[in-house]
Amino acid sequence: MNASLQIQNIIINLISRLNSIGQWLPPFFLRAILFWEFWESGIEKYKGDNWFNHIQKNFPFPFDKIPADISWFMATWGEIVFSILLLLGLFTRFAALSLIVITAVATAAVHWPTEFNSLSELWQGYAISDNGHGDFKLPLLFVIMLMPLLFNGAGKFSIDHLIAILTGNHVGNIRSDFISKGLAFSVLGLTLYFVMPMLGLILFVIGLVLMLLDRFITPRA
C-alpha cells in the first residue's frame, strides 16, 4: 500500500470517528447553551414585571391581538418549559420550532428596525446595541442555532434518541424529496413572516405548494 492510500485511509477513518462523535456532543452543546439563554430570559420575566403593555402595538399579527398579560405568560413559560425540553432532548424539534417562533416575535416587537430602505440599511441592525437601526444580532444567532435542532433533532445524547431505541421507531433513512424541500421553505417562511410578512408568506406558500405537488414531481419506484 503506497503512502497516498495510507494517508487516504487515515483521513477516512478520522472523518468516520468525527462523524460518530458528532452525533453526540455538538447537538448537546447547542442544546445546553440555548437552554441557558432561554431559561435565563424566562426566569427574568418570571421574577420581573410585565412590560409587554408598552410594546403591544409592535407585536406582529396575530400576537398583537392577544392581551399583554397572556402574551407575557406565554413568553415566560414558553422560554422556561421549552428550554428544559431542549436540555433534556425531549420533543426537541417541537421545542426548537416553538422557541424559533418566540424569538421571531420578540425580534419583530423589540429588536427589528422601525423602517429601512435597503438591505444594507437593514443590516446595520445586525448589532448587539441599538444605534437607531435595531439590534437583532443575538436573536438571529439564536434562530440559526435552533435550526439544526429542528432539522436534525437532538442527537444521540438525548431522551428523544432513547425513546426511539426503546420503541423501535428510530428514523435512520434520509428522504430527500419535494416534501422535505417544502418543509424547509415553510419553516423559513414562518420565521420570516414575523419580521418581513410578505416575504415570509411567499416562502411559506412555496413550501406548501412543493409539499402538495410532491406526488406529481418526485419519481416513484
Protein backbone atom coordinates (compact mmCIF):
# COMPACT_ATOMS: atom_id res chain seq x y z
CA MET A 1 0.00 0.00 0.00
CA ASN A 2 1.55 3.28 -1.08
CA ALA A 3 1.77 6.38 1.08
CA SER A 4 -1.15 8.19 -0.60
CA LEU A 5 -3.53 5.29 0.09
CA GLN A 6 -2.38 5.14 3.71
CA ILE A 7 -3.00 8.85 4.15
CA GLN A 8 -6.40 8.48 2.47
CA ASN A 9 -7.37 5.64 4.84
CA ILE A 10 -6.21 7.65 7.84
CA ILE A 11 -8.32 10.62 6.75
CA ILE A 12 -11.38 8.42 6.06
CA ASN A 13 -11.08 6.72 9.44
CA LEU A 14 -10.63 10.06 11.19
CA ILE A 15 -13.69 11.55 9.48
CA SER A 16 -15.71 8.44 10.33
CA ARG A 17 -14.89 8.82 14.02
CA LEU A 18 -15.57 12.56 13.96
CA ASN A 19 -18.94 11.82 12.36
CA SER A 20 -19.67 9.35 15.13
CA ILE A 21 -18.93 11.73 17.99
CA GLY A 22 -20.64 14.49 16.02
CA GLN A 23 -23.95 12.75 16.62
CA TRP A 24 -23.42 13.02 20.38
CA LEU A 25 -21.54 16.11 21.56
CA PRO A 26 -22.22 19.04 19.18
CA PRO A 27 -26.04 18.78 19.41
CA PHE A 28 -25.80 18.53 23.19
CA PHE A 29 -23.55 21.60 23.39
CA LEU A 30 -26.04 23.51 21.23
CA ARG A 31 -28.93 22.41 23.42
CA ALA A 32 -27.07 23.26 26.63
CA ILE A 33 -26.13 26.83 25.66
CA LEU A 34 -29.57 27.53 24.20
CA PHE A 35 -31.16 26.11 27.34
CA TRP A 36 -29.25 28.57 29.47
CA GLU A 37 -30.07 31.58 27.28
CA PHE A 38 -33.81 30.91 27.14
CA TRP A 39 -34.03 29.69 30.74
CA GLU A 40 -32.32 32.85 31.95
CA SER A 41 -34.66 35.01 29.88
CA GLY A 42 -37.74 33.13 31.11
CA ILE A 43 -36.73 33.33 34.76
CA GLU A 44 -36.01 37.04 34.39
CA LYS A 45 -39.56 37.52 33.09
CA TYR A 46 -40.98 35.31 35.84
CA LYS A 47 -39.34 37.42 38.53
CA GLY A 48 -39.91 40.75 36.82
CA ASP A 49 -42.80 42.99 35.88
CA ASN A 50 -44.81 42.73 32.70
CA TRP A 51 -43.52 45.33 30.24
CA PHE A 52 -45.36 43.96 27.19
CA ASN A 53 -48.03 46.65 27.64
CA HIS A 54 -45.51 49.19 26.36
CA ILE A 55 -44.78 47.29 23.13
CA GLN A 56 -48.16 45.65 22.44
CA LYS A 57 -48.58 47.61 19.20
CA ASN A 58 -45.21 46.30 17.96
CA PHE A 59 -46.20 42.65 18.10
CA PRO A 60 -46.85 41.06 14.69
CA PHE A 61 -50.23 39.57 13.83
CA PRO A 62 -51.82 37.59 15.45
CA PHE A 63 -49.93 38.29 18.67
CA ASP A 64 -50.89 41.97 18.59
CA LYS A 65 -54.49 40.82 19.18
CA ILE A 66 -53.60 38.85 22.31
CA PRO A 67 -53.81 40.71 25.67
CA ALA A 68 -50.39 41.67 27.03
CA ASP A 69 -50.86 39.61 30.21
CA ILE A 70 -51.48 36.45 28.19
CA SER A 71 -48.55 37.19 25.87
CA TRP A 72 -46.31 37.69 28.91
CA PHE A 73 -47.46 34.38 30.38
CA MET A 74 -46.90 32.55 27.07
CA ALA A 75 -43.44 34.05 26.56
CA THR A 76 -42.35 33.42 30.15
CA TRP A 77 -43.45 29.81 30.43
CA GLY A 78 -42.62 29.09 26.80
CA GLU A 79 -38.99 30.05 27.38
CA ILE A 80 -38.82 28.10 30.65
CA VAL A 81 -40.58 24.91 29.54
CA PHE A 82 -39.14 24.67 26.03
CA SER A 83 -35.62 25.42 27.28
CA ILE A 84 -35.91 22.48 29.70
CA LEU A 85 -37.11 20.25 26.87
CA LEU A 86 -34.10 21.34 24.83
CA LEU A 87 -31.69 20.46 27.61
CA LEU A 88 -33.27 17.04 28.09
CA GLY A 89 -33.50 16.42 24.38
CA LEU A 90 -37.22 15.66 24.72
CA PHE A 91 -39.64 16.65 21.94
CA THR A 92 -36.65 18.61 20.67
CA ARG A 93 -37.95 19.54 17.24
CA PHE A 94 -41.21 20.88 18.66
CA ALA A 95 -39.33 22.82 21.36
CA ALA A 96 -36.90 24.26 18.80
CA LEU A 97 -39.71 25.37 16.48
CA SER A 98 -41.61 26.94 19.39
CA LEU A 99 -38.53 28.87 20.51
CA ILE A 100 -37.92 29.99 16.93
CA VAL A 101 -41.43 31.47 16.88
CA ILE A 102 -40.94 33.11 20.29
CA THR A 103 -37.62 34.57 19.15
CA ALA A 104 -39.02 35.79 15.83
CA VAL A 105 -41.95 37.52 17.58
CA ALA A 106 -39.57 39.11 20.09
CA THR A 107 -37.35 40.27 17.23
CA ALA A 108 -40.26 41.95 15.47
CA ALA A 109 -41.50 43.62 18.66
CA VAL A 110 -38.22 44.74 20.22
CA HIS A 111 -35.15 44.26 18.02
CA TRP A 112 -36.27 44.98 14.44
CA PRO A 113 -35.76 48.47 12.95
CA THR A 114 -38.92 50.54 12.64
CA GLU A 115 -38.11 51.21 8.99
CA PHE A 116 -35.35 50.64 6.44
CA ASN A 117 -34.94 51.50 2.77
CA SER A 118 -32.38 48.93 1.68
CA LEU A 119 -30.83 45.65 2.74
CA SER A 120 -27.58 47.44 3.58
CA GLU A 121 -29.52 49.75 5.89
CA LEU A 122 -31.31 46.79 7.43
CA TRP A 123 -28.00 45.03 8.02
CA GLN A 124 -26.90 47.90 10.25
CA GLY A 125 -29.29 46.36 12.77
CA TYR A 126 -27.06 43.29 12.97
CA ALA A 127 -25.65 44.57 16.25
CA ILE A 128 -25.81 43.96 20.00
CA SER A 129 -26.81 47.54 20.86
CA ASP A 130 -29.49 49.58 19.12
CA ASN A 131 -27.98 52.61 17.41
CA GLY A 132 -31.18 53.56 15.68
CA HIS A 133 -31.21 50.61 13.27
CA GLY A 134 -32.38 47.79 15.55
CA ASP A 135 -30.32 45.17 17.37
CA PHE A 136 -31.31 41.75 16.04
CA LYS A 137 -27.86 40.13 16.12
CA LEU A 138 -28.46 37.88 19.15
CA PRO A 139 -31.97 36.70 18.22
CA LEU A 140 -30.79 35.95 14.69
CA LEU A 141 -27.93 33.86 16.07
CA PHE A 142 -30.37 32.02 18.35
CA VAL A 143 -32.65 31.19 15.43
CA ILE A 144 -29.70 29.92 13.38
CA MET A 145 -28.57 27.79 16.33
CA LEU A 146 -32.07 26.36 16.74
CA MET A 147 -32.38 25.39 13.08
CA PRO A 148 -30.04 22.34 13.28
CA LEU A 149 -32.03 21.04 16.26
CA LEU A 150 -35.26 21.44 14.29
CA PHE A 151 -33.99 19.77 11.12
CA ASN A 152 -31.52 17.23 12.59
CA GLY A 153 -33.02 16.59 16.01
CA ALA A 154 -31.40 16.40 19.42
CA GLY A 155 -28.64 13.95 18.55
CA LYS A 156 -27.91 10.67 20.32
CA PHE A 157 -27.29 12.15 23.78
CA SER A 158 -30.98 12.80 24.31
CA ILE A 159 -34.22 11.35 25.61
CA ASP A 160 -35.63 11.52 22.08
CA HIS A 161 -32.96 9.09 20.90
CA LEU A 162 -33.52 6.80 23.88
CA ILE A 163 -37.28 6.73 23.21
CA ALA A 164 -36.63 5.95 19.54
CA ILE A 165 -34.44 2.99 20.51
CA LEU A 166 -36.89 1.64 23.10
CA THR A 167 -39.88 1.94 20.76
CA GLY A 168 -38.06 0.74 17.67
CA ASN A 169 -39.06 3.88 15.80
CA HIS A 170 -35.58 5.16 15.10
CA VAL A 171 -35.52 7.03 11.79
CA GLY A 172 -32.24 6.21 10.11
CA ASN A 173 -33.05 6.87 6.46
CA ILE A 174 -32.85 10.32 4.93
CA ARG A 175 -35.60 11.14 2.45
CA SER A 176 -34.81 13.93 0.01
CA ASP A 177 -37.93 14.84 -1.92
CA PHE A 178 -40.07 17.89 -2.55
CA ILE A 179 -41.83 17.41 0.78
CA SER A 180 -38.52 17.92 2.57
CA LYS A 181 -37.79 20.97 0.44
CA GLY A 182 -41.29 22.25 1.11
CA LEU A 183 -40.78 21.84 4.83
CA ALA A 184 -37.60 23.89 4.62
CA PHE A 185 -39.36 26.70 2.75
CA SER A 186 -42.28 26.59 5.19
CA VAL A 187 -40.04 26.85 8.26
CA LEU A 188 -38.07 29.74 6.77
CA GLY A 189 -41.31 31.42 5.72
CA LEU A 190 -42.85 31.06 9.17
CA THR A 191 -39.72 32.51 10.76
CA LEU A 192 -39.50 35.47 8.39
CA TYR A 193 -43.24 36.20 8.46
CA PHE A 194 -42.99 37.98 11.81
CA VAL A 195 -40.35 40.46 10.62
CA MET A 196 -40.90 40.51 6.82
CA PRO A 197 -44.53 39.39 6.39
CA MET A 198 -44.76 39.42 2.59
CA LEU A 199 -41.51 37.51 2.03
CA GLY A 200 -42.41 35.08 4.80
CA LEU A 201 -45.84 34.37 3.30
CA ILE A 202 -44.34 33.84 -0.16
CA LEU A 203 -41.81 31.32 1.15
CA PHE A 204 -44.48 29.59 3.24
CA VAL A 205 -46.83 29.25 0.26
CA ILE A 206 -43.98 27.94 -1.92
CA GLY A 207 -43.33 25.32 0.76
CA LEU A 208 -46.97 24.26 0.85
CA VAL A 209 -47.13 24.04 -2.96
CA LEU A 210 -43.99 21.89 -3.09
CA MET A 211 -45.41 19.52 -0.48
CA LEU A 212 -48.75 19.27 -2.28
CA LEU A 213 -47.14 18.69 -5.68
CA ASP A 214 -44.60 16.16 -4.43
CA ARG A 215 -46.65 13.20 -5.66
CA PHE A 216 -46.56 14.63 -9.20
CA ILE A 217 -42.91 15.75 -9.15
CA THR A 218 -40.96 13.09 -7.29
CA PRO A 219 -40.42 9.90 -9.30
CA ARG A 220 -41.99 6.81 -7.75
CA ALA A 221 -40.25 3.45 -7.73
